[in-house]
Protein backbone atom coordinates (compact mmCIF):
# COMPACT_ATOMS: atom_id res chain seq x y z
CA GLU A 1 41.26 63.65 -94.84
CA ASN A 2 38.13 62.37 -94.20
CA ILE A 3 39.01 58.93 -93.01
CA LEU A 4 41.31 60.83 -90.45
CA LYS A 5 37.82 62.74 -89.60
CA TRP A 6 35.57 60.30 -89.04
CA THR A 7 37.94 58.55 -87.03
CA LYS A 8 38.38 61.20 -84.85
CA LEU A 9 33.54 60.87 -84.72
CA ILE A 10 34.12 57.46 -84.11
CA GLN A 11 37.20 57.48 -81.02
CA ASN A 12 35.48 60.30 -79.59
CA ILE A 13 32.46 58.47 -79.76
CA MET A 14 33.54 55.25 -77.79
CA ALA A 15 34.92 57.18 -75.83
CA LYS A 16 31.74 57.59 -74.23
CA GLU A 17 30.98 53.69 -73.91
CA HIS A 18 28.68 54.75 -71.05
CA ILE A 19 26.26 56.28 -73.20
CA LEU A 20 25.92 53.67 -75.71
CA THR A 21 23.17 50.63 -76.65
CA VAL A 22 24.60 48.61 -79.19
CA HIS A 23 21.99 46.16 -80.72
CA ASN A 24 22.30 43.16 -83.45
CA SER A 25 18.93 42.83 -85.96
CA GLU A 26 19.57 39.34 -85.99
CA GLN A 27 19.98 37.90 -82.25
CA GLU A 28 17.41 35.95 -81.71
CA ASN A 29 14.81 36.97 -79.08
CA SER A 30 15.14 40.66 -80.04
CA GLU A 31 14.05 43.42 -78.42
CA GLU A 32 10.86 45.48 -80.26
CA MET A 33 13.25 48.74 -81.99
CA ASP A 34 11.54 51.21 -79.88
CA THR A 35 11.82 49.53 -76.40
CA ILE A 36 15.55 48.88 -78.41
CA ILE A 37 15.18 53.44 -79.29
CA LEU A 38 13.21 53.98 -75.58
CA LYS A 39 16.42 52.32 -73.25
CA ALA A 40 19.25 53.71 -75.06
CA LEU A 41 17.75 57.86 -74.53
CA VAL A 42 16.72 56.11 -70.87
CA LYS A 43 20.29 55.22 -70.64
CA ALA A 44 22.44 58.32 -71.89
CA CYS A 45 19.56 59.98 -69.76
CA LYS A 46 20.77 58.26 -66.60
CA SER A 47 24.26 59.18 -66.73
CA GLN A 48 24.07 62.11 -66.38
CA THR A 49 21.26 63.05 -64.42
CA ASN A 50 18.45 61.96 -61.58
CA GLU A 51 16.38 65.12 -62.13
CA ALA A 52 12.53 64.39 -62.88
CA GLN A 53 12.75 67.09 -65.79
CA GLU A 54 15.33 65.81 -67.91
CA TYR A 55 12.91 63.00 -68.60
CA LEU A 56 10.02 64.48 -69.94
CA ASP A 57 11.37 63.55 -73.62
CA GLU A 58 11.72 59.72 -72.74
CA LEU A 59 8.85 59.68 -70.81
CA LYS A 60 5.99 61.70 -73.83
CA LEU A 61 7.90 59.40 -76.16
CA ALA A 62 6.87 56.35 -74.18
CA VAL A 63 2.97 58.13 -73.86
CA ALA A 64 3.12 57.79 -78.01
CA TRP A 65 4.26 54.95 -77.50
CA ASN A 66 1.65 54.46 -76.08
CA ARG A 67 4.67 51.93 -73.20
CA VAL A 68 3.95 52.12 -70.88
CA ASP A 69 5.59 48.87 -69.46
CA ILE A 70 9.43 50.85 -70.22
CA ALA A 71 7.60 53.96 -68.26
CA LYS A 72 7.71 51.17 -65.61
CA SER A 73 11.41 49.44 -65.58
CA GLU A 74 12.73 52.18 -67.21
CA ILE A 75 12.08 56.23 -65.68
CA PHE A 76 9.52 55.06 -62.58
CA ASN A 77 11.93 52.55 -61.63
CA GLY A 78 12.54 54.60 -58.04
CA ASP A 79 16.28 55.90 -60.16
CA VAL A 80 14.59 59.56 -59.85
CA GLU A 81 12.59 61.93 -57.52
CA TRP A 82 8.73 62.69 -59.28
CA LYS A 83 6.89 65.80 -58.25
CA SER A 84 2.90 66.22 -59.74
CA CYS A 85 4.33 69.64 -61.30
CA ASP A 86 6.60 67.05 -63.64
CA LEU A 87 3.95 65.64 -64.97
CA GLU A 88 1.22 67.66 -65.31
CA ASP A 89 2.28 68.23 -69.46
CA VAL A 90 2.50 63.70 -69.81
CA MET A 91 -0.49 63.47 -67.47
CA LEU A 92 -3.12 65.76 -69.96
CA ASP A 93 -1.50 63.70 -73.29
CA ALA A 94 -2.24 60.53 -71.34
CA LEU A 95 -5.82 61.70 -71.00
CA VAL A 96 -6.50 63.88 -74.14
CA ASN A 97 -5.53 60.52 -75.27
CA ASP A 98 -7.21 57.55 -73.82
CA LYS A 99 -3.91 56.22 -71.88
CA PRO A 100 -5.63 54.94 -68.16
CA GLN A 101 -2.90 52.57 -67.87
CA PHE A 102 -0.27 55.92 -67.54
CA VAL A 103 -3.27 57.63 -65.95
CA ARG A 104 -2.80 55.61 -63.35
CA LEU A 105 0.80 54.89 -63.74
CA PHE A 106 1.34 59.20 -63.12
CA ILE A 107 -1.28 59.10 -60.25
CA ASP A 108 0.66 56.18 -58.88
CA ASN A 109 4.35 58.20 -58.78
CA GLY A 110 3.47 61.58 -56.96
CA MET A 111 0.35 62.63 -59.40
CA ASN A 112 -1.54 64.74 -57.08
CA MET A 113 -5.16 65.23 -59.62
CA TYR A 114 -6.90 67.26 -57.03
CA ASP A 115 -4.34 69.84 -57.95
CA PHE A 116 -4.41 68.85 -61.27
CA LEU A 117 -8.12 69.37 -61.99
CA THR A 118 -8.46 72.94 -62.17
CA TYR A 119 -11.45 75.12 -64.31
CA GLY A 120 -9.65 75.88 -66.88
CA ARG A 121 -8.03 71.82 -67.34
CA LEU A 122 -11.56 70.43 -66.96
CA GLN A 123 -12.28 72.66 -69.65
CA GLU A 124 -9.30 72.09 -71.99
CA LEU A 125 -9.64 68.53 -72.08
CA TYR A 126 -13.74 68.57 -72.32
CA ARG A 127 -12.98 70.89 -76.27
CA SER A 128 -10.18 67.96 -77.05
CA ILE A 129 -12.46 64.87 -76.79
CA SER A 130 -12.64 63.48 -81.01
CA GLN A 131 -15.31 64.85 -83.01
CA LYS A 132 -16.66 61.00 -83.43
CA CYS A 133 -16.98 60.88 -79.82
CA LEU A 134 -20.88 60.42 -78.78
CA LEU A 135 -20.50 62.71 -75.52
CA TYR A 136 -19.20 65.56 -78.08
CA GLU A 137 -22.41 65.59 -80.35
CA LEU A 138 -24.20 66.19 -77.09
CA LEU A 139 -22.22 68.71 -75.52
CA LEU A 140 -22.46 70.17 -79.30
CA ARG A 141 -25.86 69.90 -78.85
CA LYS A 142 -26.14 72.26 -75.76
CA LEU A 143 -23.85 74.48 -77.19
CA GLU A 144 -26.36 75.71 -80.14
CA GLU A 145 -28.95 75.69 -77.87
CA HIS A 146 -27.65 77.98 -75.67
CA ARG A 147 -26.28 79.55 -79.34
CA LEU A 148 -30.29 79.70 -80.43
CA THR A 149 -31.55 80.76 -76.99
CA ILE A 150 -29.24 83.83 -76.58
CA THR A 151 -28.91 84.76 -81.16
CA GLY A 152 -31.85 82.67 -82.62
CA ILE A 153 -32.14 80.77 -85.69
CA ASN A 154 -30.50 83.23 -88.14
CA THR A 155 -26.99 82.94 -86.99
CA PRO A 156 -24.35 80.77 -88.46
CA SER A 157 -24.69 77.08 -86.71
CA TYR A 158 -21.51 76.07 -85.29
CA ARG A 159 -22.14 72.23 -87.59
CA ASP A 160 -21.65 74.69 -90.09
CA PHE A 161 -18.11 75.29 -90.32
CA PRO A 162 -16.84 72.01 -88.54
CA GLU A 163 -12.87 73.37 -88.81
CA ASN A 164 -14.05 75.71 -86.31
CA LYS A 165 -14.06 73.26 -82.78
CA PRO A 166 -16.22 74.47 -80.46
CA LYS A 167 -15.12 76.33 -77.16
CA PHE A 168 -17.65 73.91 -75.03
CA THR A 169 -17.78 74.78 -71.02
CA LEU A 170 -18.31 73.12 -68.16
CA CYS A 171 -22.08 75.25 -68.03
CA GLU A 172 -22.72 72.27 -71.05
CA VAL A 173 -21.10 69.67 -69.54
CA SER A 174 -23.63 70.39 -66.87
CA LYS A 175 -26.26 70.21 -69.25
CA VAL A 176 -25.52 66.44 -70.16
CA LEU A 177 -25.19 65.24 -66.55
CA LYS A 178 -28.32 65.96 -65.54
CA ASP A 179 -29.83 64.94 -68.20
CA PHE A 180 -28.20 61.08 -67.39
CA LEU A 181 -28.34 61.42 -63.99
CA HIS A 182 -31.17 63.94 -63.33
CA ASP A 183 -30.95 65.28 -59.39
CA ALA A 184 -27.42 63.71 -58.38
CA CYS A 185 -25.75 66.45 -60.35
CA LYS A 186 -28.25 69.69 -58.84
CA GLY A 187 -26.09 72.92 -59.66
CA ILE A 188 -22.79 71.07 -60.80
CA PHE A 189 -20.19 73.94 -62.90
CA GLN A 190 -23.46 75.65 -62.89
CA GLU A 191 -21.88 79.03 -60.76
CA SER A 192 -22.56 81.52 -62.29
CA ASN A 193 -21.37 84.80 -60.00
CA SER A 194 -17.54 83.94 -60.85
CA SER A 195 -16.98 85.04 -57.03
CA ARG A 196 -18.99 81.88 -55.88
CA LYS A 197 -17.82 79.56 -59.14
CA HIS A 198 -15.21 77.77 -57.92
CA THR A 199 -16.57 76.65 -54.64
CA GLY A 200 -19.28 75.22 -56.55
CA VAL A 201 -17.63 72.97 -58.76
CA LYS A 202 -16.34 72.19 -55.34
CA LYS A 203 -20.19 71.77 -53.15
CA SER A 204 -20.77 69.85 -57.08
CA ILE A 205 -18.18 67.25 -57.27
CA ALA A 206 -18.55 66.75 -53.83
CA GLU A 207 -22.04 66.19 -53.68
CA LEU A 208 -22.03 64.14 -56.61
CA ASN A 209 -19.00 61.95 -55.82
CA SER A 210 -21.78 61.45 -52.60
CA LYS A 211 -24.60 59.98 -54.12
CA LEU A 212 -23.50 57.75 -56.56
CA ARG A 213 -20.56 56.22 -54.89
CA GLY A 214 -21.96 55.88 -51.46
CA GLN A 215 -18.94 56.62 -50.14
CA ARG A 216 -17.34 59.38 -47.56
CA PRO A 217 -16.98 62.56 -50.56
CA PHE A 218 -13.89 63.92 -50.82
CA THR A 219 -13.08 67.97 -50.50
CA MET A 220 -11.27 69.33 -54.06
CA PRO A 221 -9.05 71.85 -53.51
CA ALA A 222 -9.44 75.79 -54.72
CA LEU A 223 -10.44 75.43 -58.70
CA SER A 224 -8.20 77.74 -60.24
CA ARG A 225 -8.08 79.30 -63.70
């Protein structure tokens, strides 16, 4: 009975040869296992659909394994039409995990950074930086200075509870930038009036870009939470 069961299963599998990938590990110049797995997954996906959303799991795996070469050759080869909104989650993964090659790849294939970098996402990115990073220490100092100003020295420090990740805001970011760039970043991210905040962000980034690069300033879109 088991033999018949397994035979039937194998027959069903073999009937879908268009999604099968056969690999000989003893073959000379054999590809690495992560390459084989990713290519097999993309091959199976292509046999069913060309919808971008259906390729996101494979793309996330490529980012996790840092296989930008496979993403270029197998996923971004012109068979799938990508929209900026399709790439938002993987772009966030690439930025948080320091994968600049993927960031460039996504931008080249339809990612709109003006729409992506909302006020809330910028804060999320700064809050995700490693505690071993110098920027983390600089931001923490600014946050501590703000805490002491508001609550005084008798309240617990953020350093006393390392398991609770500090919630940095763009206000701390602006103060760190000011320490290095001085008047070049005057006012950036520091609008206190919520109704003026988004306009202030657009204007300050454009001015900073112009001063630092000496080029025509770009126009940021409306930044929403």
